[in-house]
Protein backbone atom coordinates (compact mmCIF):
# COMPACT_ATOMS: atom_id res chain seq x y z
CA MET A 1 0.00 0.00 0.00
CA THR A 2 1.26 3.48 -0.81
CA THR A 3 1.44 6.27 1.67
CA PRO A 4 0.91 9.99 1.01
CA LYS A 5 4.67 10.48 0.77
CA ASP A 6 4.77 7.89 -2.05
CA PHE A 7 2.56 10.00 -4.32
CA HIS A 8 4.95 11.38 -6.91
CA HIS A 9 3.31 13.01 -9.95
CA TYR A 10 5.66 10.84 -12.05
CA LYS A 11 8.79 12.37 -10.51
CA GLY A 12 11.67 10.62 -8.83
CA ASP A 13 12.92 7.07 -8.86
CA ASN A 14 10.11 5.35 -6.94
CA LEU A 15 8.00 4.58 -10.03
CA THR A 16 6.45 1.25 -10.95
CA ALA A 17 7.32 -0.30 -14.31
CA THR A 18 4.02 0.93 -15.74
CA GLU A 19 4.58 4.45 -14.43
CA LYS A 20 8.00 4.43 -16.08
CA VAL A 21 6.31 3.44 -19.35
CA GLU A 22 3.78 6.25 -18.96
CA ARG A 23 6.56 8.75 -18.31
CA ARG A 24 8.62 7.54 -21.29
CA PHE A 25 5.60 7.58 -23.60
CA ALA A 26 4.74 11.14 -22.57
CA LYS A 27 8.34 12.23 -23.19
CA LEU A 28 8.25 10.54 -26.58
CA LEU A 29 5.27 12.67 -27.57
CA ILE A 30 6.64 15.88 -26.02
CA ASN A 31 9.95 15.46 -27.80
CA SER A 32 8.56 14.33 -31.16
CA ASP A 33 10.18 15.94 -34.19
CA ILE A 34 7.03 15.32 -36.26
CA PRO A 35 4.79 18.42 -36.16
CA ASP A 36 1.02 18.17 -36.19
CA ASN A 37 0.80 19.23 -39.84
CA GLN A 38 2.74 16.07 -40.77
CA ARG A 39 0.66 13.77 -38.52
CA GLU A 40 -2.66 12.10 -39.17
CA SER A 41 -3.79 13.22 -35.72
CA SER A 42 -2.37 15.80 -33.37
CA ILE A 43 0.12 15.21 -30.59
CA ILE A 44 -2.55 16.49 -28.18
CA TRP A 45 -4.94 13.81 -29.47
CA GLU A 46 -2.29 11.13 -28.91
CA PHE A 47 -1.77 12.37 -25.33
CA LYS A 48 -5.48 12.47 -24.58
CA HIS A 49 -6.30 9.18 -26.28
CA SER A 50 -3.43 7.20 -24.75
CA SER A 51 -4.16 8.62 -21.29
CA GLY A 52 -7.90 8.02 -21.62
CA CYS A 53 -7.34 4.45 -22.78
CA CYS A 54 -4.96 3.82 -19.90
CA GLN A 55 -7.50 5.03 -17.34
CA ILE A 56 -10.42 3.17 -18.90
CA ALA A 57 -8.27 0.01 -19.00
CA ARG A 58 -7.62 0.34 -15.27
CA ILE A 59 -11.35 0.41 -14.62
CA LEU A 60 -12.31 -2.39 -17.02
CA ALA A 61 -9.43 -4.60 -15.86
CA GLN A 62 -10.71 -4.42 -12.30
CA LYS A 63 -14.26 -5.10 -13.46
CA ARG A 64 -13.13 -8.07 -15.59
CA GLY A 65 -10.69 -9.49 -13.04
CA LEU A 66 -7.63 -8.87 -15.23
CA ASP A 67 -4.13 -7.80 -14.26
CA VAL A 68 -4.29 -4.00 -14.09
CA GLU A 69 -0.60 -3.47 -14.88
CA ILE A 70 -0.78 -5.51 -18.09
CA SER A 71 -4.07 -3.88 -19.08
CA GLU A 72 -3.04 -0.27 -18.48
CA THR A 73 0.31 -0.73 -20.22
CA ALA A 74 -1.18 -2.40 -23.31
CA ALA A 75 -3.86 0.29 -23.55
CA LEU A 76 -1.36 3.11 -23.11
CA LEU A 77 0.95 1.77 -25.83
CA HIS A 78 -1.62 0.49 -28.32
CA ASP A 79 -0.92 3.40 -30.72
CA ILE A 80 2.85 3.63 -30.10
CA TYR A 81 3.56 3.44 -33.83
CA VAL A 82 1.39 6.52 -34.38
CA ALA A 83 3.26 8.36 -31.63
CA PHE A 84 6.59 7.59 -33.30
CA THR A 85 5.58 8.11 -36.94
CA GLY A 86 2.38 10.13 -37.03
CA LYS A 87 0.85 7.49 -39.34
CA TYR A 88 -1.92 4.92 -38.82
CA SER A 89 -1.27 2.56 -41.72
CA ASN A 90 -0.66 -0.92 -40.26
CA HIS A 91 0.02 0.75 -36.90
CA ALA A 92 -0.99 -2.22 -34.74
CA ASN A 93 1.44 -4.68 -36.34
CA GLU A 94 4.19 -2.08 -36.72
CA GLY A 95 3.75 -0.85 -33.15
CA ALA A 96 3.97 -4.24 -31.44
CA PRO A 97 7.76 -4.63 -31.85
CA MET A 98 8.26 -1.00 -30.83
CA ALA A 99 6.34 -1.65 -27.63
CA GLU A 100 8.30 -4.83 -26.99
CA LYS A 101 11.58 -2.94 -27.35
CA LEU A 102 10.40 -0.16 -25.02
CA LEU A 103 9.21 -2.63 -22.37
CA ASN A 104 12.50 -4.50 -22.47
CA GLU A 105 14.46 -1.23 -22.18
CA ILE A 106 12.44 -0.05 -19.18
CA GLY A 107 12.42 -3.42 -17.44
CA GLY A 108 10.21 -4.59 -14.62
CA PHE A 109 7.96 -6.77 -16.80
CA THR A 110 8.18 -10.55 -17.08
CA PRO A 111 8.54 -12.16 -20.51
CA ASP A 112 4.93 -13.41 -20.22
CA GLN A 113 3.65 -9.92 -19.39
CA ILE A 114 5.52 -8.47 -22.37
CA LYS A 115 4.17 -11.20 -24.65
CA THR A 116 0.60 -10.46 -23.51
CA ILE A 117 1.00 -6.68 -23.92
CA VAL A 118 2.60 -7.01 -27.36
CA MET A 119 -0.12 -9.42 -28.56
CA ALA A 120 -2.87 -7.04 -27.44
CA ILE A 121 -1.20 -4.17 -29.30
CA ALA A 122 -0.64 -6.23 -32.46
CA GLN A 123 -4.29 -7.30 -32.64
CA HIS A 124 -6.10 -4.19 -31.39
CA SER A 125 -7.06 -2.90 -34.83
CA GLN A 126 -9.06 -6.02 -35.73
CA LYS A 127 -12.23 -4.91 -33.95
CA GLU A 128 -14.39 -7.21 -36.08
CA ILE A 129 -12.47 -10.31 -34.91
CA TYR A 130 -13.30 -11.64 -31.46
CA SER A 131 -10.69 -13.71 -29.68
CA ASP A 132 -10.60 -15.66 -26.45
CA ASN A 133 -7.73 -13.50 -25.15
CA PRO A 134 -9.18 -11.13 -22.55
CA TYR A 135 -6.33 -8.61 -22.90
CA VAL A 136 -6.69 -8.38 -26.68
CA GLU A 137 -10.43 -7.83 -26.25
CA LEU A 138 -9.89 -5.29 -23.46
CA VAL A 139 -7.60 -3.12 -25.61
CA LYS A 140 -10.04 -3.27 -28.53
CA ASP A 141 -12.92 -2.29 -26.24
CA VAL A 142 -10.97 0.46 -24.50
CA ASP A 143 -9.84 1.94 -27.83
CA VAL A 144 -13.33 2.25 -29.32
CA PHE A 145 -14.94 3.30 -26.04
CA ASP A 146 -12.46 6.13 -25.48
CA CYS A 147 -12.93 7.33 -29.06
CA SER A 148 -16.71 7.22 -28.67
CA LEU A 149 -16.49 9.87 -25.96
CA TYR A 150 -15.11 12.49 -28.36
CA ARG A 151 -17.50 14.70 -30.29
CA GLY A 152 -17.91 13.63 -33.92
CA SER A 153 -16.19 10.24 -33.68
CA GLY A 154 -19.11 8.36 -35.20
CA ASP A 155 -19.18 10.63 -38.24
CA TYR A 156 -15.42 10.30 -38.61
CA TYR A 157 -15.69 6.50 -38.58
CA LEU A 158 -18.44 6.56 -41.20
CA LEU A 159 -16.20 8.59 -43.49
CA HIS A 160 -13.05 6.54 -42.98
CA LYS A 161 -14.09 2.96 -42.26
CA PRO A 162 -16.34 0.39 -43.94
CA ALA A 163 -19.88 0.27 -42.53
CA GLU A 164 -19.46 -3.27 -41.18
CA ILE A 165 -16.42 -2.14 -39.15
CA VAL A 166 -18.31 0.89 -37.81
CA ARG A 167 -21.06 -1.51 -36.69
CA GLU A 168 -18.46 -3.52 -34.75
CA TYR A 169 -17.15 -0.33 -33.14
CA ALA A 170 -20.69 0.54 -32.11
CA LYS A 171 -21.34 -2.99 -30.83
CA ARG A 172 -18.20 -2.89 -28.68
CA THR A 173 -18.95 0.61 -27.41
CA GLU A 174 -22.51 -0.31 -26.46
CA ALA A 175 -21.26 -3.43 -24.63
CA VAL A 176 -18.77 -1.39 -22.60
CA ARG A 177 -21.42 1.20 -21.77
CA GLN A 178 -23.67 -1.59 -20.49
CA GLU A 179 -20.79 -3.20 -18.58
CA LEU A 180 -20.12 0.12 -16.83
CA GLY A 181 -23.80 0.68 -16.09
CA LEU A 182 -24.01 3.80 -18.25
CA PRO A 183 -27.37 4.86 -19.63
CA LYS A 184 -28.38 3.92 -23.13
CA GLY A 185 -28.04 6.79 -25.49
CA ASP A 186 -25.94 7.86 -28.39
CA THR A 187 -23.23 5.27 -29.01
CA PHE A 188 -20.94 7.99 -30.30
CA ARG A 189 -20.94 11.49 -28.87
CA GLN A 190 -22.42 13.98 -31.30
């Protein structure tokens, strides 16, 4: 259990492995040489989305009985390729080895934890495919649910994704809303 003196605002040396990952990921975005006008989404979006996904993963992991550290780390890093390159094309598969490298550099994760995190990142874009891996499914759910909370996300999806994929996004979002006991309403914020 932590004490008030342990609270750190991500400063100092008394950070968990996941907190070290969060700090490194934030620095990666802050220090990016790729300006917003050369990115498919802004650096601010990447900060907000990665942080939102991390927090939602912490909640859903507890609700689903999953390891919170694995869940929050996989959710935080799911778009690591986008953070590095500013591009979304094949970002799940391209980001998985980047995440693996980062996790090995930081340390504090077992090989099995790294394998689970990397698998969840590699498969998170396949929202229409349902697996029996709870961490893969968690990251998919967290990703679409976080996006659904931003104004205009549904319209964006309709412009940029096939209708059958948008239906899967909606299905996942509605399931998470129900799981969290949220009222029925607009699946995507208008």
